Amino acid sequence: MGQNMKKRLKIIITASAGMFLLSGCIHRELLIPNIGTLTESNTIQSNAPIPRVPFPADEYARLKKSGSSTVVGKIYLTNSDGQRIYGRHTRLYLNPVTSYSKQWFEESYIGGHKMAKTDKRLYNYLKFTASDSKGRFAFYGVPAGSYYAIGTVRCAKECGYSTPKTIRVAKEITVGSGETKRVDLGKPVYN
């Protein structure tokens, strides 16, 4: 079955099965042979990782590796009571927006799908930092451009979970030359 046909089938199945999930006819998940599992969140959890697009070496070669900009902000989750849970001492990174990273953002972060392993060449283009005890972070020497700011926050009872969970937070940002960009890297969590 071709990729386009699989995508169309997923959409049809998601819409149909989603109606059953919302109506309460299906309690937890619906197994769809050779495709994956439809969960209560109306997304198909595929049994196999989604293949990544080929690494666009030419696209990355055009990117500058250093610059004069700074990205500062806080990373946190907001629970259903409006309380902020900060990402304390967590690792964050800036990933340049390219066709390769855009696929990850759309398929994995937004879509919730598992992806095939990352091409190791990507790590040469990421900028890393860590947050402090209050979730504050800063990236220095950032070239002007568009990035995905990405990090994680660990949360348990304050987010309504019985066991701690690590939740990824990502946001697309654009940084100007010589700019100090302020970023609120937050995400609501409702359990």
Protein backbone atom coordinates (compact mmCIF):
# COMPACT_ATOMS: atom_id res chain seq x y z
CA MET A 1 0.00 0.00 0.00
CA GLY A 2 1.44 3.41 -0.98
CA GLN A 3 2.23 6.16 1.55
CA ASN A 4 -0.59 8.42 0.29
CA MET A 5 -3.11 5.59 0.54
CA LYS A 6 -1.93 4.79 4.09
CA LYS A 7 -2.32 8.44 5.10
CA ARG A 8 -5.83 8.62 3.64
CA LEU A 9 -6.76 5.36 5.38
CA LYS A 10 -5.42 6.71 8.68
CA ILE A 11 -7.52 9.87 8.30
CA ILE A 12 -10.67 7.89 7.54
CA ILE A 13 -10.07 5.45 10.38
CA THR A 14 -9.17 8.24 12.79
CA ALA A 15 -12.36 10.16 12.00
CA SER A 16 -14.59 7.07 12.20
CA ALA A 17 -13.03 5.55 15.27
CA GLY A 18 -12.76 8.98 16.89
CA MET A 19 -16.56 9.23 16.83
CA PHE A 20 -16.78 5.91 18.68
CA LEU A 21 -14.20 7.03 21.23
CA LEU A 22 -16.02 10.30 21.87
CA SER A 23 -19.35 8.54 22.17
CA GLY A 24 -17.96 6.18 24.81
CA CYS A 25 -18.43 3.03 22.69
CA ILE A 26 -14.73 2.26 22.92
CA HIS A 27 -13.11 2.63 26.33
CA ARG A 28 -9.35 2.78 25.76
CA GLU A 29 -7.94 1.93 22.36
CA LEU A 30 -8.77 0.30 19.08
CA LEU A 31 -6.17 -1.95 17.44
CA ILE A 32 -5.98 -1.37 13.70
CA PRO A 33 -4.07 -4.25 12.04
CA ASN A 34 -0.96 -3.31 10.02
CA ILE A 35 -1.36 0.37 10.92
CA GLY A 36 -1.27 0.80 14.69
CA THR A 37 -3.50 1.69 17.61
CA LEU A 38 -6.12 4.43 17.80
CA THR A 39 -6.11 5.88 21.31
CA GLU A 40 -8.53 8.03 23.27
CA SER A 41 -6.68 11.13 22.07
CA ASN A 42 -7.87 10.28 18.51
CA THR A 43 -4.34 9.70 17.22
CA ILE A 44 -3.05 6.54 15.64
CA GLN A 45 -0.05 5.24 17.54
CA SER A 46 1.88 3.45 14.84
CA ASN A 47 3.68 0.23 15.62
CA ALA A 48 6.60 1.26 13.40
CA PRO A 49 8.50 4.56 13.54
CA ILE A 50 7.85 7.07 10.78
CA PRO A 51 10.86 7.25 8.43
CA ARG A 52 12.66 10.58 8.40
CA VAL A 53 13.20 12.58 5.25
CA PRO A 54 16.79 12.29 3.98
CA PHE A 55 19.16 14.57 5.87
CA PRO A 56 19.42 17.79 3.77
CA ALA A 57 23.19 18.35 4.07
CA ASP A 58 23.10 21.30 1.62
CA GLU A 59 20.37 23.03 3.62
CA TYR A 60 22.38 22.66 6.86
CA ALA A 61 25.65 23.72 5.20
CA ARG A 62 24.11 27.15 4.53
CA LEU A 63 23.41 27.73 8.25
CA LYS A 64 25.73 29.90 10.35
CA LYS A 65 27.07 28.21 13.47
CA SER A 66 27.61 31.34 15.56
CA GLY A 67 26.05 34.76 15.85
CA SER A 68 25.47 37.78 18.07
CA SER A 69 22.00 37.02 19.43
CA THR A 70 20.81 35.73 22.79
CA VAL A 71 17.71 33.67 23.59
CA VAL A 72 16.50 33.85 27.22
CA GLY A 73 13.37 32.57 28.90
CA LYS A 74 11.66 30.13 31.24
CA ILE A 75 10.50 26.57 30.65
CA TYR A 76 7.40 25.34 32.47
CA LEU A 77 4.12 23.44 32.40
CA THR A 78 0.83 24.94 33.53
CA ASN A 79 -1.53 22.55 35.31
CA SER A 80 -5.34 22.71 35.39
CA ASP A 81 -5.21 24.96 38.50
CA GLY A 82 -3.07 27.50 36.64
CA GLN A 83 0.02 26.59 38.68
CA ARG A 84 3.36 26.70 36.84
CA ILE A 85 5.71 23.74 37.24
CA TYR A 86 9.17 24.86 36.14
CA GLY A 87 11.70 22.71 34.33
CA ARG A 88 14.46 22.71 36.92
CA HIS A 89 18.01 21.85 35.83
CA THR A 90 16.81 20.45 32.53
CA ARG A 91 18.65 20.37 29.22
CA LEU A 92 17.32 22.56 26.41
CA TYR A 93 18.36 22.99 22.81
CA LEU A 94 17.76 25.17 19.78
CA ASN A 95 17.18 23.23 16.57
CA PRO A 96 17.32 25.30 13.34
CA VAL A 97 14.10 25.16 11.32
CA THR A 98 14.82 23.09 8.21
CA SER A 99 12.85 20.56 6.19
CA TYR A 100 14.37 17.89 8.46
CA SER A 101 13.45 19.51 11.80
CA LYS A 102 10.05 20.63 10.48
CA GLN A 103 9.14 16.98 9.84
CA TRP A 104 10.06 16.13 13.45
CA PHE A 105 8.02 19.07 14.79
CA GLU A 106 4.91 18.19 12.78
CA GLU A 107 5.03 14.38 12.97
CA SER A 108 6.51 13.79 16.42
CA TYR A 109 5.90 16.84 18.60
CA ILE A 110 2.51 17.90 17.21
CA GLY A 111 1.36 14.51 15.84
CA GLY A 112 2.68 12.35 18.69
CA HIS A 113 4.21 9.77 16.36
CA LYS A 114 7.42 7.88 16.98
CA MET A 115 10.12 8.67 14.41
CA ALA A 116 13.11 6.76 13.11
CA LYS A 117 16.49 7.63 14.63
CA THR A 118 17.94 11.07 14.02
CA ASP A 119 20.84 11.48 11.62
CA LYS A 120 23.86 12.17 13.85
CA ARG A 121 24.96 15.08 11.64
CA LEU A 122 22.10 17.10 13.14
CA TYR A 123 23.95 17.43 16.47
CA ASN A 124 26.55 19.66 14.79
CA TYR A 125 23.84 22.32 14.30
CA LEU A 126 22.10 22.28 17.68
CA LYS A 127 22.79 24.76 20.48
CA PHE A 128 22.55 23.39 24.03
CA THR A 129 22.04 24.91 27.47
CA ALA A 130 20.48 23.99 30.82
CA SER A 131 17.91 25.73 32.99
CA ASP A 132 18.48 26.81 36.58
CA SER A 133 16.39 25.85 39.63
CA LYS A 134 13.65 28.30 38.58
CA GLY A 135 13.39 27.10 34.96
CA ARG A 136 15.35 30.08 33.57
CA PHE A 137 17.63 29.47 30.60
CA ALA A 138 19.84 31.37 28.15
CA PHE A 139 21.50 30.59 24.81
CA TYR A 140 24.39 32.85 23.76
CA GLY A 141 26.06 33.38 20.39
CA VAL A 142 22.93 32.45 18.43
CA PRO A 143 22.88 33.24 14.69
CA ALA A 144 19.83 35.10 13.35
CA GLY A 145 17.19 32.70 12.03
CA SER A 146 14.28 30.45 12.94
CA TYR A 147 14.57 27.70 15.54
CA TYR A 148 12.62 25.19 17.56
CA ALA A 149 13.33 25.87 21.24
CA ILE A 150 12.98 22.48 22.95
CA GLY A 151 13.21 21.17 26.50
CA THR A 152 11.50 18.89 29.00
CA VAL A 153 9.75 19.31 32.33
CA ARG A 154 9.32 16.51 34.85
CA CYS A 155 5.94 16.52 36.55
CA ALA A 156 3.98 14.18 38.83
CA LYS A 157 1.16 14.85 41.31
CA GLU A 158 1.11 18.58 40.58
CA CYS A 159 0.11 17.66 37.00
CA GLY A 160 -2.33 14.96 38.07
CA TYR A 161 -0.06 11.96 37.37
CA SER A 162 0.37 9.12 39.88
CA THR A 163 3.96 8.57 38.69
CA PRO A 164 6.39 11.21 37.39
CA LYS A 165 6.33 11.92 33.66
CA THR A 166 8.78 13.83 31.51
CA ILE A 167 6.92 16.13 29.14
CA ARG A 168 8.55 17.72 26.10
CA VAL A 169 7.91 21.40 25.40
CA ALA A 170 8.77 22.93 22.01
CA LYS A 171 8.05 26.22 20.31
CA GLU A 172 9.09 27.78 16.99
CA ILE A 173 10.88 31.10 17.42
CA THR A 174 12.59 33.63 15.15
CA VAL A 175 15.69 35.49 16.28
CA GLY A 176 16.98 38.71 14.70
CA SER A 177 20.64 39.67 14.39
CA GLY A 178 22.04 41.06 17.66
CA GLU A 179 18.66 40.57 19.35
CA THR A 180 17.93 39.37 22.87
CA LYS A 181 14.88 37.18 22.26
CA ARG A 182 12.64 36.44 25.26
CA VAL A 183 10.87 33.08 25.09
CA ASP A 184 8.06 31.77 27.27
CA LEU A 185 8.55 28.03 26.71
CA GLY A 186 5.34 26.83 28.35
CA LYS A 187 2.73 24.18 27.77
CA PRO A 188 -0.61 23.42 29.47
CA VAL A 189 -1.01 19.95 30.94
CA TYR A 190 -4.43 18.52 31.68
CA ASN A 191 -4.67 14.97 32.97
